[in-house]
C-alpha atoms as a PDB file:
ATOM      1  CA  MET A   1      14.112  16.230 143.142  1.00  0.00           C
ATOM      2  CA  THR A   2      17.162  17.732 141.905  1.00  0.00           C
ATOM      3  CA  ARG A   3      19.805  18.645 144.518  1.00  0.00           C
ATOM      4  CA  SER A   4      21.506  21.997 144.207  1.00  0.00           C
ATOM      5  CA  ASP A   5      25.265  22.092 143.456  1.00  0.00           C
ATOM      6  CA  PRO A   6      27.059  23.489 146.507  1.00  0.00           C
ATOM      7  CA  ARG A   7      29.685  25.104 144.255  1.00  0.00           C
ATOM      8  CA  ARG A   8      27.108  27.533 143.099  1.00  0.00           C
ATOM      9  CA  GLY A   9      26.506  28.768 146.653  1.00  0.00           C
ATOM     10  CA  MET A  10      30.323  29.220 147.082  1.00  0.00           C
ATOM     11  CA  VAL A  11      30.633  31.081 143.725  1.00  0.00           C
ATOM     12  CA  LEU A  12      27.852  33.462 144.927  1.00  0.00           C
ATOM     13  CA  PHE A  13      29.510  34.069 148.204  1.00  0.00           C
ATOM     14  CA  THR A  14      32.685  34.752 146.500  1.00  0.00           C
ATOM     15  CA  VAL A  15      31.029  37.229 144.122  1.00  0.00           C
ATOM     16  CA  LEU A  16      29.160  39.129 146.872  1.00  0.00           C
ATOM     17  CA  TRP A  17      32.352  39.215 148.936  1.00  0.00           C
ATOM     18  CA  SER A  18      34.202  40.728 146.007  1.00  0.00           C
ATOM     19  CA  ILE A  19      31.677  43.306 145.257  1.00  0.00           C
ATOM     20  CA  SER A  20      31.758  44.300 149.171  1.00  0.00           C
ATOM     21  CA  LEU A  21      35.389  44.467 148.911  1.00  0.00           C
ATOM     22  CA  LEU A  22      35.359  46.616 145.902  1.00  0.00           C
ATOM     23  CA  SER A  23      32.801  48.961 147.343  1.00  0.00           C
ATOM     24  CA  ALA A  24      34.915  49.313 150.414  1.00  0.00           C
ATOM     25  CA  LEU A  25      38.020  49.938 148.341  1.00  0.00           C
ATOM     26  CA  ALA A  26      36.097  52.463 146.364  1.00  0.00           C
ATOM     27  CA  MET A  27      34.941  54.343 149.390  1.00  0.00           C
ATOM     28  CA  ALA A  28      38.336  54.352 150.878  1.00  0.00           C
ATOM     29  CA  ALA A  29      39.730  55.713 147.595  1.00  0.00           C
ATOM     30  CA  SER A  30      37.094  58.389 147.503  1.00  0.00           C
ATOM     31  CA  VAL A  31      37.779  59.515 151.230  1.00  0.00           C
ATOM     32  CA  THR A  32      41.629  59.384 150.474  1.00  0.00           C
ATOM     33  CA  PHE A  33      41.119  61.542 147.315  1.00  0.00           C
ATOM     34  CA  ARG A  34      38.996  64.086 149.177  1.00  0.00           C
ATOM     35  CA  GLY A  35      41.591  64.216 151.933  1.00  0.00           C
ATOM     36  CA  PHE A  36      44.372  64.759 149.423  1.00  0.00           C
ATOM     37  CA  ALA A  37      42.272  67.378 147.575  1.00  0.00           C
ATOM     38  CA  GLY A  38      41.728  69.091 150.871  1.00  0.00           C
ATOM     39  CA  VAL A  39      45.578  69.072 151.755  1.00  0.00           C
ATOM     40  CA  MET A  40      46.295  70.451 148.464  1.00  0.00           C
ATOM     41  CA  ALA A  41      43.764  73.108 148.779  1.00  0.00           C
ATOM     42  CA  VAL A  42      45.207  74.134 152.106  1.00  0.00           C
ATOM     43  CA  GLU A  43      48.818  74.103 150.712  1.00  0.00           C
ATOM     44  CA  ARG A  44      47.619  76.235 147.714  1.00  0.00           C
ATOM     45  CA  ASP A  45      46.070  78.711 150.049  1.00  0.00           C
ATOM     46  CA  ARG A  46      49.195  78.829 152.044  1.00  0.00           C
ATOM     47  CA  VAL A  47      51.531  79.479 149.059  1.00  0.00           C
ATOM     48  CA  GLN A  48      49.169  82.156 147.736  1.00  0.00           C
ATOM     49  CA  GLY A  49      48.853  83.806 151.092  1.00  0.00           C
ATOM     50  CA  GLU A  50      52.772  83.994 151.426  1.00  0.00           C
ATOM     51  CA  ALA A  51      52.952  85.346 147.978  1.00  0.00           C
ATOM     52  CA  LEU A  52      50.700  88.182 148.897  1.00  0.00           C
ATOM     53  CA  LEU A  53      52.696  88.857 152.010  1.00  0.00           C
ATOM     54  CA  THR A  54      55.839  89.064 149.824  1.00  0.00           C
ATOM     55  CA  ALA A  55      54.081  91.535 147.397  1.00  0.00           C
ATOM     56  CA  GLY A  56      53.197  93.585 150.394  1.00  0.00           C
ATOM     57  CA  LEU A  57      56.839  93.632 151.592  1.00  0.00           C
ATOM     58  CA  GLU A  58      58.131  94.606 148.165  1.00  0.00           C
ATOM     59  CA  THR A  59      55.428  97.450 148.130  1.00  0.00           C
ATOM     60  CA  ALA A  60      56.594  98.489 151.548  1.00  0.00           C
ATOM     61  CA  ALA A  61      60.340  98.670 150.469  1.00  0.00           C
ATOM     62  CA  ALA A  62      59.370 100.656 147.361  1.00  0.00           C
ATOM     63  CA  MET A  63      57.499 103.045 149.522  1.00  0.00           C
ATOM     64  CA  VAL A  64      60.355 103.563 151.801  1.00  0.00           C
ATOM     65  CA  THR A  65      62.656 104.210 148.908  1.00  0.00           C
ATOM     66  CA  SER A  66      60.480 106.447 146.806  1.00  0.00           C
ATOM     67  CA  SER A  67      58.242 108.350 149.194  1.00  0.00           C
ATOM     68  CA  ASP A  68      58.916 111.927 149.972  1.00  0.00           C
ATOM     69  CA  LEU A  69      56.458 112.056 152.754  1.00  0.00           C
ATOM     70  CA  PRO A  70      57.214 111.008 156.371  1.00  0.00           C
ATOM     71  CA  LEU A  71      56.221 107.553 157.186  1.00  0.00           C
ATOM     72  CA  THR A  72      53.762 108.360 159.978  1.00  0.00           C
ATOM     73  CA  GLU A  73      51.397 105.257 160.201  1.00  0.00           C
ATOM     74  CA  VAL A  74      51.147 105.063 156.294  1.00  0.00           C
ATOM     75  CA  GLU A  75      48.716 102.442 154.951  1.00  0.00           C
ATOM     76  CA  THR A  76      47.936 101.067 151.409  1.00  0.00           C
ATOM     77  CA  THR A  77      46.254  97.935 149.966  1.00  0.00           C
ATOM     78  CA  VAL A  78      47.653  95.804 147.165  1.00  0.00           C
ATOM     79  CA  THR A  79      45.132  93.878 145.141  1.00  0.00           C
ATOM     80  CA  LEU A  80      46.139  90.945 142.932  1.00  0.00           C
ATOM     81  CA  GLY A  81      44.307  88.136 141.193  1.00  0.00           C
ATOM     82  CA  THR A  82      44.445  85.904 144.121  1.00  0.00           C
ATOM     83  CA  GLY A  83      43.460  88.385 146.822  1.00  0.00           C
ATOM     84  CA  ALA A  84      44.521  91.444 148.578  1.00  0.00           C
ATOM     85  CA  VAL A  85      47.233  92.601 151.160  1.00  0.00           C
ATOM     86  CA  ARG A  86      47.096  95.573 153.422  1.00  0.00           C
ATOM     87  CA  VAL A  87      50.323  97.375 154.162  1.00  0.00           C
ATOM     88  CA  HIS A  88      50.984  99.389 157.243  1.00  0.00           C
ATOM     89  CA  LEU A  89      54.265 101.196 157.595  1.00  0.00           C
ATOM     90  CA  SER A  90      55.987 103.306 160.347  1.00  0.00           C
ATOM     91  CA  ASP A  91      59.432 104.682 160.695  1.00  0.00           C
ATOM     92  CA  GLU A  92      61.654 102.892 163.300  1.00  0.00           C
ATOM     93  CA  GLY A  93      63.600 106.180 163.543  1.00  0.00           C
ATOM     94  CA  GLY A  94      60.544 107.713 165.053  1.00  0.00           C
ATOM     95  CA  ARG A  95      60.822 105.764 168.194  1.00  0.00           C
ATOM     96  CA  ILE A  96      62.902 105.557 171.258  1.00  0.00           C
ATOM     97  CA  ASP A  97      65.883 103.232 170.798  1.00  0.00           C
ATOM     98  CA  ILE A  98      66.264 101.493 174.208  1.00  0.00           C
ATOM     99  CA  GLY A  99      69.905 100.559 173.124  1.00  0.00           C
ATOM    100  CA  LYS A 100      71.109 104.040 172.345  1.00  0.00           C
ATOM    101  CA  ALA A 101      68.755 106.614 173.928  1.00  0.00           C
ATOM    102  CA  PRO A 102      70.361 108.878 176.640  1.00  0.00           C
ATOM    103  CA  VAL A 103      69.505 108.081 180.259  1.00  0.00           C
ATOM    104  CA  GLU A 104      67.321 111.330 180.682  1.00  0.00           C
ATOM    105  CA  LEU A 105      65.008 110.172 177.851  1.00  0.00           C
ATOM    106  CA  LEU A 106      64.668 106.687 179.215  1.00  0.00           C
ATOM    107  CA  ALA A 107      63.930 107.897 182.776  1.00  0.00           C
ATOM    108  CA  SER A 108      61.224 110.189 181.339  1.00  0.00           C
ATOM    109  CA  MET A 109      59.667 107.414 179.384  1.00  0.00           C
ATOM    110  CA  PHE A 110      59.543 105.083 182.577  1.00  0.00           C
ATOM    111  CA  ARG A 111      57.965 108.034 184.555  1.00  0.00           C
ATOM    112  CA  SER A 112      55.222 108.314 182.009  1.00  0.00           C
ATOM    113  CA  VAL A 113      54.184 104.658 182.535  1.00  0.00           C
ATOM    114  CA  GLY A 114      53.931 104.862 186.271  1.00  0.00           C
ATOM    115  CA  ALA A 115      57.463 104.521 187.830  1.00  0.00           C
ATOM    116  CA  SER A 116      58.372 107.074 190.615  1.00  0.00           C
ATOM    117  CA  GLU A 117      61.109 109.779 190.006  1.00  0.00           C
ATOM    118  CA  ALA A 118      63.764 107.840 191.847  1.00  0.00           C
ATOM    119  CA  THR A 119      62.879 104.536 190.424  1.00  0.00           C
ATOM    120  CA  ALA A 120      62.725 105.790 186.831  1.00  0.00           C
ATOM    121  CA  ARG A 121      66.105 107.257 187.116  1.00  0.00           C
ATOM    122  CA  ILE A 122      67.650 104.058 188.810  1.00  0.00           C
ATOM    123  CA  VAL A 123      65.998 101.659 186.140  1.00  0.00           C
ATOM    124  CA  ALA A 124      67.087 103.934 183.319  1.00  0.00           C
ATOM    125  CA  GLN A 125      70.686 103.999 184.555  1.00  0.00           C
ATOM    126  CA  ARG A 126      70.571 100.179 184.807  1.00  0.00           C
ATOM    127  CA  VAL A 127      69.413  99.980 181.164  1.00  0.00           C
ATOM    128  CA  VAL A 128      72.445 102.132 180.139  1.00  0.00           C
ATOM    129  CA  GLU A 129      74.811  99.975 182.097  1.00  0.00           C
ATOM    130  CA  ARG A 130      73.431  96.944 180.747  1.00  0.00           C
ATOM    131  CA  ARG A 131      74.098  97.951 177.121  1.00  0.00           C
ATOM    132  CA  ARG A 132      77.449  99.560 177.731  1.00  0.00           C
ATOM    133  CA  PRO A 133      80.514  97.196 177.307  1.00  0.00           C
ATOM    134  CA  GLY A 134      83.191  97.436 179.922  1.00  0.00           C
ATOM    135  CA  ASN A 135      81.851 100.639 181.470  1.00  0.00           C
ATOM    136  CA  ALA A 136      79.778  99.329 184.395  1.00  0.00           C
ATOM    137  CA  ALA A 137      80.773 100.814 187.777  1.00  0.00           C
ATOM    138  CA  SER A 138      81.559  98.716 190.783  1.00  0.00           C
ATOM    139  CA  PRO A 139      78.977  98.291 193.224  1.00  0.00           C
ATOM    140  CA  ASP A 140      81.496  99.477 195.871  1.00  0.00           C
ATOM    141  CA  THR A 141      81.953 102.782 194.285  1.00  0.00           C
ATOM    142  CA  PRO A 142      82.239 105.520 196.987  1.00  0.00           C
ATOM    143  CA  ASN A 143      80.053 108.599 197.250  1.00  0.00           C
ATOM    144  CA  ARG A 144      77.041 106.837 195.697  1.00  0.00           C
ATOM    145  CA  PRO A 145      73.809 108.570 196.864  1.00  0.00           C
ATOM    146  CA  SER A 146      71.831 106.332 199.470  1.00  0.00           C
ATOM    147  CA  ASN A 147      68.893 106.276 197.255  1.00  0.00           C
ATOM    148  CA  GLU A 148      70.597 104.941 194.131  1.00  0.00           C
ATOM    149  CA  ALA A 149      70.756 101.272 193.666  1.00  0.00           C
ATOM    150  CA  PRO A 150      74.213  99.720 192.560  1.00  0.00           C
ATOM    151  CA  PRO A 151      74.300  99.465 188.704  1.00  0.00           C
ATOM    152  CA  MET A 152      74.151  96.099 187.035  1.00  0.00           C
ATOM    153  CA  THR A 153      77.365  94.527 185.614  1.00  0.00           C
ATOM    154  CA  SER A 154      77.497  95.073 181.899  1.00  0.00           C
ATOM    155  CA  THR A 155      77.353  92.120 179.496  1.00  0.00           C
ATOM    156  CA  GLY A 156      78.769  93.928 176.608  1.00  0.00           C
ATOM    157  CA  GLN A 157      75.982  92.876 174.519  1.00  0.00           C
ATOM    158  CA  PRO A 158      73.614  95.174 172.621  1.00  0.00           C
ATOM    159  CA  LEU A 159      69.922  95.027 173.317  1.00  0.00           C
ATOM    160  CA  ALA A 160      68.381  92.999 170.626  1.00  0.00           C
ATOM    161  CA  ASP A 161      64.734  93.066 171.704  1.00  0.00           C
ATOM    162  CA  ILE A 162      62.549  95.031 174.204  1.00  0.00           C
ATOM    163  CA  GLY A 163      61.828  91.725 175.996  1.00  0.00           C
ATOM    164  CA  GLU A 164      65.512  91.778 177.265  1.00  0.00           C
ATOM    165  CA  LEU A 165      64.386  94.601 179.586  1.00  0.00           C
ATOM    166  CA  GLN A 166      62.742  91.919 181.752  1.00  0.00           C
ATOM    167  CA  SER A 167      66.237  91.105 183.054  1.00  0.00           C
ATOM    168  CA  ILE A 168      66.663  94.705 184.421  1.00  0.00           C
ATOM    169  CA  PRO A 169      66.261  94.765 188.300  1.00  0.00           C
ATOM    170  CA  GLY A 170      63.419  97.002 189.171  1.00  0.00           C
ATOM    171  CA  MET A 171      61.560  96.697 185.891  1.00  0.00           C
ATOM    172  CA  GLU A 172      57.842  96.065 185.935  1.00  0.00           C
ATOM    173  CA  PRO A 173      56.415  93.722 183.331  1.00  0.00           C
ATOM    174  CA  ASN A 174      53.550  96.197 182.806  1.00  0.00           C
ATOM    175  CA  TRP A 175      56.129  99.141 182.043  1.00  0.00           C
ATOM    176  CA  ILE A 176      57.553  97.066 179.326  1.00  0.00           C
ATOM    177  CA  LYS A 177      54.055  96.358 177.850  1.00  0.00           C
ATOM    178  CA  ALA A 178      53.177 100.118 177.887  1.00  0.00           C
ATOM    179  CA  ILE A 179      56.340 101.269 176.221  1.00  0.00           C
ATOM    180  CA  ALA A 180      56.522  98.672 173.555  1.00  0.00           C
ATOM    181  CA  PRO A 181      54.785 100.869 170.994  1.00  0.00           C
ATOM    182  CA  LEU A 182      57.232 103.734 171.726  1.00  0.00           C
ATOM    183  CA  THR A 183      60.407 101.875 171.362  1.00  0.00           C
ATOM    184  CA  THR A 184      62.751 100.075 169.012  1.00  0.00           C
ATOM    185  CA  VAL A 185      66.166  98.535 168.911  1.00  0.00           C
ATOM    186  CA  PHE A 186      66.687  99.887 165.183  1.00  0.00           C
ATOM    187  CA  GLY A 187      66.769 103.602 165.828  1.00  0.00           C
ATOM    188  CA  ASP A 188      69.398 105.913 166.994  1.00  0.00           C
ATOM    189  CA  GLN A 189      70.459 108.175 169.888  1.00  0.00           C
ATOM    190  CA  THR A 190      67.959 110.967 168.586  1.00  0.00           C
ATOM    191  CA  ILE A 191      64.424 110.506 167.383  1.00  0.00           C
ATOM    192  CA  ASN A 192      62.906 111.705 163.976  1.00  0.00           C
ATOM    193  CA  PRO A 193      60.345 114.447 164.821  1.00  0.00           C
ATOM    194  CA  LEU A 194      58.811 114.019 161.437  1.00  0.00           C
ATOM    195  CA  THR A 195      57.723 110.512 161.974  1.00  0.00           C
ATOM    196  CA  ALA A 196      57.536 110.245 165.898  1.00  0.00           C
ATOM    197  CA  PRO A 197      54.194 108.963 167.084  1.00  0.00           C
ATOM    198  CA  GLN A 198      52.219 111.267 169.467  1.00  0.00           C
ATOM    199  CA  GLY A 199      53.054 108.897 172.354  1.00  0.00           C
ATOM    200  CA  VAL A 200      56.722 109.411 171.743  1.00  0.00           C
ATOM    201  CA  ILE A 201      56.598 113.114 171.581  1.00  0.00           C
ATOM    202  CA  ALA A 202      54.676 113.139 174.915  1.00  0.00           C
ATOM    203  CA  VAL A 203      57.258 111.413 176.911  1.00  0.00           C
ATOM    204  CA  LEU A 204      60.176 113.665 175.849  1.00  0.00           C
ATOM    205  CA  PRO A 205      61.612 115.389 178.995  1.00  0.00           C
ATOM    206  CA  GLY A 206      60.215 118.761 179.706  1.00  0.00           C
ATOM    207  CA  VAL A 207      57.316 118.441 177.215  1.00  0.00           C
ATOM    208  CA  ASP A 208      53.686 119.186 178.494  1.00  0.00           C
ATOM    209  CA  ASP A 209      50.395 118.531 176.779  1.00  0.00           C
ATOM    210  CA  GLN A 210      50.256 122.113 175.366  1.00  0.00           C
ATOM    211  CA  ARG A 211      53.523 121.680 173.710  1.00  0.00           C
ATOM    212  CA  VAL A 212      52.545 118.208 172.221  1.00  0.00           C
ATOM    213  CA  ALA A 213      49.198 119.639 170.851  1.00  0.00           C
ATOM    214  CA  ALA A 214      51.251 122.678 169.185  1.00  0.00           C
ATOM    215  CA  PHE A 215      53.793 120.371 167.816  1.00  0.00           C
ATOM    216  CA  LEU A 216      51.244 117.915 166.119  1.00  0.00           C
ATOM    217  CA  ARG A 217      49.209 120.955 164.829  1.00  0.00           C
ATOM    218  CA  ALA A 218      52.349 122.468 163.179  1.00  0.00           C
ATOM    219  CA  ARG A 219      53.558 119.094 161.752  1.00  0.00           C
ATOM    220  CA  ARG A 220      50.205 118.482 160.027  1.00  0.00           C
ATOM    221  CA  SER A 221      50.424 122.062 158.687  1.00  0.00           C
ATOM    222  CA  SER A 222      54.084 122.466 157.832  1.00  0.00           C
ATOM    223  CA  PRO A 223      55.895 119.191 157.760  1.00  0.00           C
ATOM    224  CA  SER A 224      58.565 120.567 155.551  1.00  0.00           C
ATOM    225  CA  ASP A 225      59.903 122.976 158.182  1.00  0.00           C
ATOM    226  CA  PRO A 226      61.408 120.816 160.693  1.00  0.00           C
ATOM    227  CA  ASP A 227      63.486 123.596 162.360  1.00  0.00           C
ATOM    228  CA  ARG A 228      60.301 125.229 163.338  1.00  0.00           C
ATOM    229  CA  LEU A 229      58.834 121.938 164.506  1.00  0.00           C
ATOM    230  CA  VAL A 230      61.580 121.145 166.799  1.00  0.00           C
ATOM    231  CA  ARG A 231      61.685 124.634 168.410  1.00  0.00           C
ATOM    232  CA  ILE A 232      58.174 124.255 169.436  1.00  0.00           C
ATOM    233  CA  LEU A 233      59.306 121.504 171.870  1.00  0.00           C
ATOM    234  CA  GLY A 234      61.754 123.695 173.558  1.00  0.00           C
ATOM    235  CA  PRO A 235      64.556 121.919 175.643  1.00  0.00           C
ATOM    236  CA  ALA A 236      63.295 118.550 174.353  1.00  0.00           C
ATOM    237  CA  GLN A 237      64.775 119.386 170.887  1.00  0.00           C
ATOM    238  CA  GLN A 238      68.046 117.921 171.970  1.00  0.00           C
ATOM    239  CA  TYR A 239      66.615 114.557 171.650  1.00  0.00           C
ATOM    240  CA  LEU A 240      65.394 115.079 168.219  1.00  0.00           C
ATOM    241  CA  ALA A 241      67.101 115.116 164.686  1.00  0.00           C
ATOM    242  CA  VAL A 242      65.627 114.735 161.188  1.00  0.00           C
ATOM    243  CA  LYS A 243      67.220 111.966 159.399  1.00  0.00           C
ATOM    244  CA  PRO A 244      66.622 109.697 156.414  1.00  0.00           C
ATOM    245  CA  GLN A 245      63.887 107.013 156.649  1.00  0.00           C
ATOM    246  CA  ARG A 246      65.853 103.741 156.381  1.00  0.00           C
ATOM    247  CA  VAL A 247      64.307 101.294 158.720  1.00  0.00           C
ATOM    248  CA  ALA A 248      60.604 100.692 158.643  1.00  0.00           C
ATOM    249  CA  SER A 249      58.179  98.564 160.673  1.00  0.00           C
ATOM    250  CA  VAL A 250      55.747  96.767 158.398  1.00  0.00           C
ATOM    251  CA  ASP A 251      52.438  95.151 159.356  1.00  0.00           C
ATOM    252  CA  LEU A 252      51.017  92.935 156.733  1.00  0.00           C
ATOM    253  CA  THR A 253      47.500  91.361 156.479  1.00  0.00           C
ATOM    254  CA  ALA A 254      46.745  89.193 153.175  1.00  0.00           C
ATOM    255  CA  ALA A 255      43.289  87.680 152.397  1.00  0.00           C
ATOM    256  CA  LEU A 256      42.406  85.312 149.594  1.00  0.00           C
ATOM    257  CA  ALA A 257      39.112  85.283 147.806  1.00  0.00           C
ATOM    258  CA  SER A 258      38.459  81.955 149.531  1.00  0.00           C
ATOM    259  CA  GLY A 259      38.404  83.739 152.909  1.00  0.00           C
ATOM    260  CA  TYR A 260      41.849  82.263 153.938  1.00  0.00           C
ATOM    261  CA  ALA A 261      44.089  84.988 155.696  1.00  0.00           C
ATOM    262  CA  VAL A 262      47.380  85.371 156.948  1.00  0.00           C
ATOM    263  CA  ALA A 263      49.453  88.130 158.525  1.00  0.00           C
ATOM    264  CA  ALA A 264      52.898  89.095 159.534  1.00  0.00           C
ATOM    265  CA  HIS A 265      54.973  91.647 161.239  1.00  0.00           C
ATOM    266  CA  ALA A 266      58.339  92.784 159.764  1.00  0.00           C
ATOM    267  CA  VAL A 267      61.146  95.247 160.079  1.00  0.00           C
ATOM    268  CA  ILE A 268      63.052  96.070 156.806  1.00  0.00           C
ATOM    269  CA  VAL A 269      65.913  98.237 156.010  1.00  0.00           C
ATOM    270  CA  VAL A 270      66.758 100.011 152.716  1.00  0.00           C
ATOM    271  CA  LEU A 271      70.486 101.069 152.429  1.00  0.00           C
ATOM    272  CA  PRO A 272      71.861 103.231 149.687  1.00  0.00           C
ATOM    273  CA  GLN A 273      73.945 101.420 147.176  1.00  0.00           C
ATOM    274  CA  ASP A 274      73.104  97.946 148.674  1.00  0.00           C
ATOM    275  CA  SER A 275      73.287  94.953 146.534  1.00  0.00           C
ATOM    276  CA  GLN A 276      69.790  94.142 147.700  1.00  0.00           C
ATOM    277  CA  PRO A 277      66.724  96.397 147.207  1.00  0.00           C
ATOM    278  CA  TYR A 278      65.982  95.899 151.003  1.00  0.00           C
ATOM    279  CA  ARG A 279      66.800  93.560 153.836  1.00  0.00           C
ATOM    280  CA  VAL A 280      64.379  91.942 156.330  1.00  0.00           C
ATOM    281  CA  LEU A 281      65.576  92.376 159.926  1.00  0.00           C
ATOM    282  CA  VAL A 282      62.593  90.790 161.671  1.00  0.00           C
ATOM    283  CA  TRP A 283      59.940  88.494 160.269  1.00  0.00           C
ATOM    284  CA  THR A 284      57.297  87.331 162.617  1.00  0.00           C
ATOM    285  CA  PRO A 285      54.408  85.362 161.335  1.00  0.00           C
ATOM    286  CA  VAL A 286      50.918  86.372 163.100  1.00  0.00           C
ATOM    287  CA  PRO A 287      48.541  83.365 163.425  1.00  0.00           C
ATOM    288  CA  TYR A 288      45.244  84.227 161.891  1.00  0.00           C
ATOM    289  CA  ALA A 289      42.428  81.811 161.091  1.00  0.00           C
ATOM    290  CA  LYS A 290      40.732  84.607 159.053  1.00  0.00           C
ATOM    291  CA  ALA A 291      42.147  88.118 159.317  1.00  0.00           C
ATOM    292  CA  PRO A 292      39.871  90.737 157.890  1.00  0.00           C
ATOM    293  CA  LEU A 293      41.524  93.522 155.687  1.00  0.00           C
ATOM    294  CA  GLY A 294      39.613  96.099 157.819  1.00  0.00           C
ATOM    295  CA  GLY A 295      41.838  95.633 160.803  1.00  0.00           C
ATOM    296  CA  ARG A 296      45.608  95.814 161.324  1.00  0.00           C
ATOM    297  CA  PRO A 297      47.387  92.989 162.831  1.00  0.00           C
ATOM    298  CA  MET A 298      49.032  93.473 166.223  1.00  0.00           C
ATOM    299  CA  ALA A 299      52.145  91.362 165.920  1.00  0.00           C
ATOM    300  CA  GLN A 300      54.200  90.541 168.891  1.00  0.00           C
ATOM    301  CA  ARG A 301      57.211  92.787 169.337  1.00  0.00           C
END
């Protein structure tokens, strides 16, 4: 009877162990490669999505520069080889500038969202004092009406965002949310009647529903006659002025063929004889797992 060589068993064990090790390494390499491929795919989608957003922004700037029509909620879609981007524009000059609007206009706006007559006037005055450098009156000013609160001490800093209204005493958070679609910090003392949303027209002092309806009908039928339009609004025309469309709010939603989608809110300015075709004043990415082109993103303002 022949005795087996123990070295053969050791060789067999070594071979089997090596095969197992190689299999494990191959599996690990496969998983690593798949993970790397996945990361690359995500990065590719991100880059292509950002490229679509940039294309949308370029299109928006071109529309601001070349369009002869008022930017009243204008929409367009740009389709490229990698996907499509929906562009929604509106004129910031058609909104109420909380940093420049007169106190009467601000008070009327606050009344429209639920503030009482007295509270609306007090809060509006506080907003004006907040944005006015060096002109805040002393709380000890004599002959102040008993129902009027002392104004705030001015900071001498302009209002950079509507969220800063939260620091105004007496301001209700729900008022800020309600007036957000009507306001801007990139406008002027007056409002462009050709591009103002219906909600802005409705809060003008002295304007009732009948005047709003008449104004909107006239704007649809005769947008090239601004003098006639503003006369319809009676005494509120002092808060209106037709002006060039320079600053635009842009909402962008881009979708790739793969289903990946991304969105952003921007504010751009187009200035005559500028060295740049346009400048971005605000850029706010809007998180979207999948954002369909059928819906406009609601960016945080």
